[in-house]
N, C-alpha and C. Protein backbone atom coordinates (compact mmCIF):
# COMPACT_ATOMS: atom_id res chain seq x y z
N MET A 1 8.10 -25.40 -10.48
CA MET A 1 7.87 -24.65 -9.28
C MET A 1 7.55 -25.62 -8.16
N GLN A 2 8.25 -25.50 -7.06
CA GLN A 2 7.99 -26.30 -5.90
C GLN A 2 7.40 -25.42 -4.82
N ILE A 3 6.37 -25.92 -4.21
CA ILE A 3 5.77 -25.20 -3.10
C ILE A 3 6.10 -25.99 -1.86
N SER A 4 6.88 -25.38 -0.97
CA SER A 4 7.28 -26.12 0.21
C SER A 4 6.25 -26.00 1.33
N SER A 5 5.60 -24.88 1.40
CA SER A 5 4.57 -24.72 2.42
C SER A 5 3.68 -23.55 2.06
N ILE A 6 2.52 -23.55 2.63
CA ILE A 6 1.58 -22.45 2.44
C ILE A 6 1.19 -21.95 3.82
N THR A 7 1.33 -20.68 4.04
CA THR A 7 0.97 -20.08 5.31
C THR A 7 -0.11 -19.04 5.04
N GLN A 8 -1.20 -19.12 5.75
CA GLN A 8 -2.25 -18.12 5.62
C GLN A 8 -2.35 -17.37 6.92
N THR A 9 -2.33 -16.05 6.84
CA THR A 9 -2.45 -15.21 8.01
C THR A 9 -3.67 -14.32 7.82
N TYR A 10 -4.61 -14.42 8.73
CA TYR A 10 -5.80 -13.59 8.65
C TYR A 10 -5.67 -12.47 9.67
N GLY A 11 -5.58 -11.25 9.20
CA GLY A 11 -5.45 -10.09 10.07
C GLY A 11 -6.78 -9.73 10.69
N VAL A 12 -6.74 -9.33 11.93
CA VAL A 12 -7.94 -8.88 12.61
C VAL A 12 -8.04 -7.38 12.42
N PRO A 13 -9.16 -6.89 11.88
CA PRO A 13 -9.31 -5.46 11.67
C PRO A 13 -9.20 -4.70 12.99
N HIS A 14 -8.52 -3.56 12.94
CA HIS A 14 -8.35 -2.74 14.13
C HIS A 14 -9.52 -1.79 14.34
N ASN A 15 -10.23 -1.51 13.25
CA ASN A 15 -11.42 -0.68 13.40
C ASN A 15 -12.49 -1.17 12.44
N ARG A 16 -13.69 -0.72 12.61
CA ARG A 16 -14.81 -1.22 11.81
C ARG A 16 -14.73 -0.82 10.34
N SER A 17 -13.93 0.18 9.99
CA SER A 17 -13.85 0.60 8.59
C SER A 17 -12.93 -0.30 7.78
N ASP A 18 -12.11 -1.12 8.44
CA ASP A 18 -11.21 -2.05 7.73
C ASP A 18 -12.04 -3.25 7.28
N LYS A 19 -12.25 -3.37 5.99
CA LYS A 19 -13.12 -4.41 5.47
C LYS A 19 -12.36 -5.45 4.67
N SER A 20 -11.08 -5.63 4.92
CA SER A 20 -10.33 -6.61 4.16
C SER A 20 -9.51 -7.50 5.08
N VAL A 21 -9.08 -8.62 4.52
CA VAL A 21 -8.29 -9.59 5.25
C VAL A 21 -7.04 -9.85 4.44
N SER A 22 -5.88 -9.86 5.09
CA SER A 22 -4.63 -10.15 4.40
C SER A 22 -4.35 -11.64 4.40
N VAL A 23 -3.87 -12.14 3.29
CA VAL A 23 -3.47 -13.53 3.18
C VAL A 23 -2.06 -13.55 2.63
N ASP A 24 -1.11 -14.09 3.40
CA ASP A 24 0.27 -14.23 2.94
C ASP A 24 0.49 -15.65 2.51
N LYS A 25 1.18 -15.84 1.40
CA LYS A 25 1.43 -17.17 0.88
C LYS A 25 2.85 -17.27 0.40
N ILE A 26 3.57 -18.25 0.86
CA ILE A 26 4.91 -18.50 0.33
C ILE A 26 4.74 -19.24 -0.97
N ASP A 27 5.24 -18.62 -2.05
CA ASP A 27 5.05 -19.16 -3.38
C ASP A 27 6.11 -20.17 -3.79
N ASP A 28 7.35 -19.79 -3.65
CA ASP A 28 8.38 -20.55 -4.34
C ASP A 28 9.67 -20.49 -3.55
N ILE A 29 10.31 -21.60 -3.43
CA ILE A 29 11.62 -21.60 -2.80
C ILE A 29 12.60 -22.17 -3.81
N LYS A 30 13.55 -21.34 -4.23
CA LYS A 30 14.57 -21.74 -5.20
C LYS A 30 15.91 -21.24 -4.70
N SER A 31 16.87 -22.12 -4.62
CA SER A 31 18.24 -21.74 -4.25
C SER A 31 18.28 -20.87 -3.01
N GLY A 32 17.49 -21.20 -2.03
CA GLY A 32 17.49 -20.46 -0.79
C GLY A 32 16.74 -19.15 -0.82
N GLU A 33 16.18 -18.76 -1.97
CA GLU A 33 15.43 -17.51 -2.07
C GLU A 33 13.96 -17.80 -1.79
N ILE A 34 13.34 -16.94 -1.03
CA ILE A 34 11.92 -17.09 -0.75
C ILE A 34 11.19 -15.92 -1.39
N ASN A 35 10.24 -16.25 -2.25
CA ASN A 35 9.40 -15.24 -2.89
C ASN A 35 8.01 -15.38 -2.29
N SER A 36 7.44 -14.28 -1.85
CA SER A 36 6.08 -14.36 -1.30
C SER A 36 5.22 -13.27 -1.91
N ASP A 37 3.92 -13.56 -1.95
CA ASP A 37 2.93 -12.62 -2.45
C ASP A 37 1.94 -12.35 -1.34
N THR A 38 1.44 -11.14 -1.28
CA THR A 38 0.39 -10.79 -0.35
C THR A 38 -0.85 -10.43 -1.15
N VAL A 39 -1.96 -11.02 -0.77
CA VAL A 39 -3.22 -10.79 -1.46
C VAL A 39 -4.22 -10.27 -0.44
N THR A 40 -4.95 -9.24 -0.79
CA THR A 40 -5.99 -8.71 0.08
C THR A 40 -7.33 -9.01 -0.56
N ILE A 41 -8.20 -9.66 0.21
CA ILE A 41 -9.51 -10.04 -0.28
C ILE A 41 -10.56 -9.28 0.53
N SER A 42 -11.42 -8.54 -0.16
CA SER A 42 -12.45 -7.76 0.54
C SER A 42 -13.49 -8.71 1.14
N ARG A 43 -14.22 -8.21 2.09
CA ARG A 43 -15.30 -9.00 2.70
C ARG A 43 -16.33 -9.39 1.63
N ALA A 44 -16.65 -8.46 0.73
CA ALA A 44 -17.60 -8.77 -0.34
C ALA A 44 -17.05 -9.87 -1.24
N GLY A 45 -15.76 -9.82 -1.52
CA GLY A 45 -15.12 -10.86 -2.33
C GLY A 45 -15.16 -12.21 -1.63
N GLN A 46 -14.95 -12.20 -0.33
CA GLN A 46 -15.03 -13.44 0.45
C GLN A 46 -16.45 -14.01 0.41
N ARG A 47 -17.45 -13.14 0.57
CA ARG A 47 -18.85 -13.59 0.53
C ARG A 47 -19.17 -14.16 -0.85
N ALA A 48 -18.72 -13.49 -1.90
CA ALA A 48 -18.98 -13.97 -3.27
C ALA A 48 -18.34 -15.34 -3.47
N SER A 49 -17.12 -15.49 -2.98
CA SER A 49 -16.43 -16.77 -3.10
C SER A 49 -17.16 -17.87 -2.34
N GLU A 50 -17.65 -17.55 -1.15
CA GLU A 50 -18.41 -18.51 -0.35
C GLU A 50 -19.72 -18.89 -1.05
N GLN A 51 -20.40 -17.89 -1.62
CA GLN A 51 -21.65 -18.15 -2.32
C GLN A 51 -21.41 -19.03 -3.55
N LEU A 52 -20.34 -18.73 -4.29
CA LEU A 52 -20.01 -19.53 -5.46
C LEU A 52 -19.71 -20.97 -5.05
N GLN A 53 -18.98 -21.15 -3.95
CA GLN A 53 -18.66 -22.49 -3.46
C GLN A 53 -19.93 -23.24 -3.08
N THR A 54 -20.85 -22.56 -2.41
CA THR A 54 -22.12 -23.18 -2.02
C THR A 54 -22.89 -23.65 -3.25
N ILE A 55 -22.95 -22.81 -4.26
CA ILE A 55 -23.66 -23.17 -5.50
C ILE A 55 -22.95 -24.31 -6.21
N ALA A 56 -21.63 -24.27 -6.24
CA ALA A 56 -20.85 -25.35 -6.88
C ALA A 56 -21.09 -26.68 -6.19
N ASN A 57 -21.23 -26.66 -4.88
CA ASN A 57 -21.47 -27.90 -4.14
C ASN A 57 -22.89 -28.42 -4.32
N LYS A 58 -23.80 -27.52 -4.64
CA LYS A 58 -25.21 -27.88 -4.78
C LYS A 58 -25.54 -28.44 -6.17
N TYR A 59 -24.86 -27.94 -7.20
CA TYR A 59 -25.18 -28.32 -8.58
C TYR A 59 -23.95 -28.90 -9.27
N ASP A 60 -24.16 -29.97 -10.02
CA ASP A 60 -23.10 -30.60 -10.81
C ASP A 60 -23.32 -30.21 -12.27
N VAL A 61 -22.51 -29.30 -12.78
CA VAL A 61 -22.70 -28.80 -14.15
C VAL A 61 -22.38 -29.87 -15.20
N THR A 62 -21.83 -31.00 -14.77
CA THR A 62 -21.57 -32.10 -15.71
C THR A 62 -22.69 -33.13 -15.68
N ASN A 63 -23.68 -32.92 -14.83
CA ASN A 63 -24.83 -33.83 -14.74
C ASN A 63 -26.00 -33.05 -14.14
N ILE A 64 -26.62 -32.21 -14.98
CA ILE A 64 -27.62 -31.27 -14.49
C ILE A 64 -28.83 -31.26 -15.41
N SER A 65 -30.02 -31.18 -14.82
CA SER A 65 -31.24 -31.08 -15.62
C SER A 65 -31.51 -29.61 -15.94
N THR A 66 -32.40 -29.38 -16.85
CA THR A 66 -32.77 -28.01 -17.21
C THR A 66 -33.40 -27.30 -16.01
N THR A 67 -34.22 -28.01 -15.26
CA THR A 67 -34.85 -27.43 -14.07
C THR A 67 -33.78 -26.99 -13.08
N GLU A 68 -32.77 -27.85 -12.84
CA GLU A 68 -31.68 -27.52 -11.93
C GLU A 68 -30.84 -26.38 -12.49
N ARG A 69 -30.60 -26.39 -13.78
CA ARG A 69 -29.80 -25.34 -14.42
C ARG A 69 -30.46 -23.97 -14.26
N ILE A 70 -31.76 -23.92 -14.41
CA ILE A 70 -32.49 -22.66 -14.25
C ILE A 70 -32.39 -22.18 -12.80
N ALA A 71 -32.55 -23.09 -11.85
CA ALA A 71 -32.44 -22.72 -10.43
C ALA A 71 -31.02 -22.25 -10.10
N MET A 72 -30.02 -22.96 -10.61
CA MET A 72 -28.62 -22.58 -10.38
C MET A 72 -28.33 -21.20 -10.95
N THR A 73 -28.81 -20.98 -12.16
CA THR A 73 -28.58 -19.70 -12.84
C THR A 73 -29.24 -18.56 -12.06
N GLN A 74 -30.43 -18.79 -11.56
CA GLN A 74 -31.12 -17.78 -10.77
C GLN A 74 -30.33 -17.47 -9.50
N GLU A 75 -29.80 -18.51 -8.85
CA GLU A 75 -28.98 -18.29 -7.64
C GLU A 75 -27.72 -17.50 -7.97
N LEU A 76 -27.08 -17.82 -9.07
CA LEU A 76 -25.87 -17.09 -9.47
C LEU A 76 -26.20 -15.61 -9.67
N HIS A 77 -27.31 -15.34 -10.35
CA HIS A 77 -27.70 -13.96 -10.62
C HIS A 77 -28.14 -13.24 -9.34
N ASP A 78 -28.94 -13.91 -8.52
CA ASP A 78 -29.42 -13.30 -7.28
C ASP A 78 -28.26 -12.93 -6.34
N ASN A 79 -27.17 -13.68 -6.41
CA ASN A 79 -25.99 -13.41 -5.58
C ASN A 79 -24.98 -12.51 -6.29
N HIS A 80 -25.39 -11.93 -7.41
CA HIS A 80 -24.57 -10.98 -8.16
C HIS A 80 -23.25 -11.61 -8.66
N LEU A 81 -23.33 -12.91 -9.03
CA LEU A 81 -22.16 -13.61 -9.52
C LEU A 81 -22.11 -13.65 -11.04
N ILE A 82 -23.25 -13.38 -11.68
CA ILE A 82 -23.30 -13.27 -13.14
C ILE A 82 -24.22 -12.10 -13.51
N PRO A 83 -23.92 -11.44 -14.64
CA PRO A 83 -24.81 -10.35 -15.08
C PRO A 83 -26.09 -10.90 -15.71
N LYS A 84 -27.07 -10.05 -15.87
CA LYS A 84 -28.37 -10.45 -16.41
C LYS A 84 -28.26 -11.09 -17.80
N ASP A 85 -27.42 -10.53 -18.67
CA ASP A 85 -27.28 -11.08 -20.03
C ASP A 85 -26.79 -12.53 -20.00
N VAL A 86 -25.85 -12.82 -19.11
CA VAL A 86 -25.34 -14.19 -19.00
C VAL A 86 -26.42 -15.09 -18.40
N MET A 87 -27.18 -14.57 -17.45
CA MET A 87 -28.28 -15.33 -16.86
C MET A 87 -29.27 -15.77 -17.95
N ILE A 88 -29.63 -14.84 -18.81
CA ILE A 88 -30.58 -15.15 -19.89
C ILE A 88 -30.01 -16.23 -20.81
N PHE A 89 -28.73 -16.11 -21.14
CA PHE A 89 -28.07 -17.12 -21.97
C PHE A 89 -28.10 -18.49 -21.31
N MET A 90 -27.86 -18.53 -20.00
CA MET A 90 -27.80 -19.82 -19.30
C MET A 90 -29.17 -20.44 -19.10
N MET A 91 -30.20 -19.62 -19.05
CA MET A 91 -31.55 -20.14 -18.84
C MET A 91 -32.22 -20.58 -20.15
N ALA A 92 -31.68 -20.15 -21.26
CA ALA A 92 -32.29 -20.48 -22.55
C ALA A 92 -32.29 -22.00 -22.78
N PRO A 93 -33.38 -22.51 -23.31
CA PRO A 93 -33.44 -23.96 -23.60
C PRO A 93 -32.38 -24.35 -24.64
N LEU A 94 -31.91 -25.58 -24.52
CA LEU A 94 -30.91 -26.08 -25.46
C LEU A 94 -31.55 -26.58 -26.75
N SER A 95 -32.85 -26.92 -26.66
CA SER A 95 -33.57 -27.37 -27.86
C SER A 95 -35.05 -27.05 -27.69
N MET A 96 -35.80 -27.18 -28.78
CA MET A 96 -37.23 -26.87 -28.76
C MET A 96 -38.03 -27.85 -27.90
N ASN A 97 -37.63 -29.11 -27.88
CA ASN A 97 -38.37 -30.10 -27.10
C ASN A 97 -37.52 -30.64 -25.96
N GLU A 98 -36.93 -29.76 -25.24
CA GLU A 98 -36.05 -30.14 -24.14
C GLU A 98 -36.86 -30.73 -22.98
N ASP A 99 -36.42 -31.89 -22.50
CA ASP A 99 -37.02 -32.52 -21.32
C ASP A 99 -36.43 -31.82 -20.10
N MET A 100 -37.25 -31.16 -19.34
CA MET A 100 -36.79 -30.34 -18.21
C MET A 100 -36.11 -31.15 -17.11
N ASP A 101 -36.39 -32.46 -17.06
CA ASP A 101 -35.83 -33.29 -16.00
C ASP A 101 -34.68 -34.18 -16.46
N HIS A 102 -34.40 -34.18 -17.75
CA HIS A 102 -33.29 -34.99 -18.27
C HIS A 102 -31.95 -34.35 -17.91
N LYS A 103 -31.06 -35.15 -17.33
CA LYS A 103 -29.75 -34.62 -16.94
C LYS A 103 -28.77 -34.81 -18.09
N SER A 104 -27.90 -33.80 -18.23
CA SER A 104 -26.88 -33.86 -19.28
C SER A 104 -25.63 -33.13 -18.79
N ASN A 105 -24.55 -33.28 -19.55
CA ASN A 105 -23.30 -32.61 -19.23
C ASN A 105 -23.36 -31.21 -19.85
N TYR A 106 -23.90 -30.28 -19.10
CA TYR A 106 -24.09 -28.91 -19.59
C TYR A 106 -22.75 -28.25 -19.89
N LEU A 107 -21.75 -28.49 -19.07
CA LEU A 107 -20.44 -27.90 -19.28
C LEU A 107 -19.87 -28.33 -20.63
N SER A 108 -19.94 -29.60 -20.94
CA SER A 108 -19.43 -30.11 -22.21
C SER A 108 -20.20 -29.52 -23.39
N THR A 109 -21.51 -29.45 -23.25
CA THR A 109 -22.36 -28.88 -24.30
C THR A 109 -21.98 -27.43 -24.58
N ILE A 110 -21.75 -26.67 -23.52
CA ILE A 110 -21.42 -25.24 -23.67
C ILE A 110 -20.01 -25.07 -24.22
N ARG A 111 -19.09 -25.94 -23.84
CA ARG A 111 -17.74 -25.89 -24.43
C ARG A 111 -17.81 -26.09 -25.94
N GLU A 112 -18.55 -27.10 -26.35
CA GLU A 112 -18.69 -27.39 -27.78
C GLU A 112 -19.39 -26.23 -28.50
N SER A 113 -20.42 -25.69 -27.87
CA SER A 113 -21.15 -24.56 -28.45
C SER A 113 -20.24 -23.35 -28.63
N PHE A 114 -19.39 -23.09 -27.65
CA PHE A 114 -18.47 -21.95 -27.73
C PHE A 114 -17.46 -22.15 -28.86
N GLU A 115 -16.94 -23.37 -28.99
CA GLU A 115 -15.98 -23.65 -30.06
C GLU A 115 -16.62 -23.44 -31.44
N VAL A 116 -17.83 -23.92 -31.60
CA VAL A 116 -18.54 -23.76 -32.88
C VAL A 116 -18.81 -22.28 -33.14
N ALA A 117 -19.27 -21.56 -32.14
CA ALA A 117 -19.57 -20.13 -32.30
C ALA A 117 -18.31 -19.36 -32.68
N SER A 118 -17.18 -19.73 -32.08
CA SER A 118 -15.90 -19.06 -32.40
C SER A 118 -15.51 -19.28 -33.85
N LYS A 119 -15.71 -20.50 -34.32
CA LYS A 119 -15.34 -20.84 -35.69
C LYS A 119 -16.31 -20.27 -36.72
N MET A 120 -17.57 -20.14 -36.33
CA MET A 120 -18.60 -19.69 -37.26
C MET A 120 -18.70 -18.17 -37.34
N GLY A 121 -17.98 -17.48 -36.49
CA GLY A 121 -17.95 -16.03 -36.59
C GLY A 121 -19.10 -15.32 -35.93
N ASP A 122 -19.55 -15.79 -34.77
CA ASP A 122 -20.56 -15.04 -34.02
C ASP A 122 -20.06 -13.63 -33.75
N SER A 123 -20.97 -12.73 -33.47
CA SER A 123 -20.58 -11.35 -33.17
C SER A 123 -19.72 -11.31 -31.92
N ALA A 124 -18.95 -10.26 -31.78
CA ALA A 124 -18.08 -10.10 -30.61
C ALA A 124 -18.91 -10.09 -29.32
N GLU A 125 -20.07 -9.45 -29.37
CA GLU A 125 -20.93 -9.39 -28.18
C GLU A 125 -21.43 -10.78 -27.79
N GLN A 126 -21.88 -11.54 -28.78
CA GLN A 126 -22.36 -12.90 -28.52
C GLN A 126 -21.24 -13.80 -28.00
N LEU A 127 -20.07 -13.69 -28.60
CA LEU A 127 -18.92 -14.49 -28.16
C LEU A 127 -18.54 -14.15 -26.72
N GLU A 128 -18.61 -12.88 -26.37
CA GLU A 128 -18.27 -12.47 -25.01
C GLU A 128 -19.25 -13.07 -24.00
N LEU A 129 -20.53 -13.04 -24.30
CA LEU A 129 -21.54 -13.63 -23.41
C LEU A 129 -21.32 -15.14 -23.28
N LYS A 130 -21.03 -15.77 -24.39
CA LYS A 130 -20.78 -17.22 -24.38
C LYS A 130 -19.50 -17.55 -23.62
N ARG A 131 -18.49 -16.70 -23.74
CA ARG A 131 -17.24 -16.91 -23.01
C ARG A 131 -17.49 -16.78 -21.51
N GLN A 132 -18.26 -15.77 -21.10
CA GLN A 132 -18.56 -15.58 -19.68
C GLN A 132 -19.35 -16.77 -19.13
N ARG A 133 -20.30 -17.25 -19.91
CA ARG A 133 -21.09 -18.42 -19.49
C ARG A 133 -20.18 -19.63 -19.30
N LEU A 134 -19.30 -19.86 -20.26
CA LEU A 134 -18.38 -20.99 -20.17
C LEU A 134 -17.45 -20.85 -18.97
N GLU A 135 -16.93 -19.65 -18.75
CA GLU A 135 -16.01 -19.42 -17.62
C GLU A 135 -16.67 -19.70 -16.27
N ILE A 136 -17.91 -19.27 -16.08
CA ILE A 136 -18.56 -19.51 -14.79
C ILE A 136 -18.82 -21.00 -14.60
N LEU A 137 -19.19 -21.69 -15.67
CA LEU A 137 -19.42 -23.13 -15.58
C LEU A 137 -18.12 -23.88 -15.27
N GLU A 138 -17.03 -23.46 -15.91
CA GLU A 138 -15.75 -24.10 -15.64
C GLU A 138 -15.31 -23.84 -14.20
N GLN A 139 -15.56 -22.64 -13.72
CA GLN A 139 -15.21 -22.30 -12.35
C GLN A 139 -16.04 -23.13 -11.36
N LEU A 140 -17.33 -23.27 -11.61
CA LEU A 140 -18.19 -24.08 -10.75
C LEU A 140 -17.71 -25.53 -10.73
N SER A 141 -17.37 -26.04 -11.89
CA SER A 141 -16.88 -27.41 -11.98
C SER A 141 -15.57 -27.60 -11.24
N ALA A 142 -14.68 -26.63 -11.37
CA ALA A 142 -13.35 -26.72 -10.74
C ALA A 142 -13.42 -26.72 -9.22
N ILE A 143 -14.38 -26.01 -8.64
CA ILE A 143 -14.43 -25.90 -7.18
C ILE A 143 -15.47 -26.80 -6.53
N SER A 144 -16.23 -27.55 -7.34
CA SER A 144 -17.28 -28.38 -6.77
C SER A 144 -16.71 -29.55 -5.98
N HIS A 145 -17.50 -30.03 -5.04
CA HIS A 145 -17.11 -31.18 -4.23
C HIS A 145 -17.89 -32.42 -4.62
N ASN A 146 -18.45 -32.43 -5.82
CA ASN A 146 -19.26 -33.58 -6.21
C ASN A 146 -18.45 -34.70 -6.84
N GLY A 147 -17.15 -34.49 -7.00
CA GLY A 147 -16.27 -35.56 -7.48
C GLY A 147 -16.32 -35.83 -8.95
N SER A 148 -17.01 -35.02 -9.73
CA SER A 148 -17.11 -35.29 -11.17
C SER A 148 -16.47 -34.23 -12.01
N ASN A 149 -15.48 -33.53 -11.46
CA ASN A 149 -14.78 -32.51 -12.24
C ASN A 149 -14.06 -33.15 -13.40
N PRO A 150 -14.24 -32.60 -14.62
CA PRO A 150 -13.57 -33.18 -15.78
C PRO A 150 -12.09 -32.87 -15.77
């Protein structure tokens, strides 16, 4: 797939009840054919995306202390980016004698934990919570500006 250009068009709402913005993007140019997709993002979705970006820029999930992880998790939950069950999972200590200020690669630890849980036959509910935790961490890592994305 070749992307020749990307065009973003932000529509101005005509009335106060219009709460979305249109984004047009040229996807693919093949043999003279142009395929385009239109995506509508709600204002709430835009705010959530901005909040997630802010958190991703603030915390490095590949080099984070327990104290920072707890603060990050609280911010994610307070901004309605993760449900309470996932928040509890992310705040749980990794060990009984965890040093709250020691930094570690939390993303890598959670990836390994998820793989082990999948192989060991955790319950479907537990696997789902672990999958959600891993997905948010991977998303934070992917959009962060800290330069340490794996």
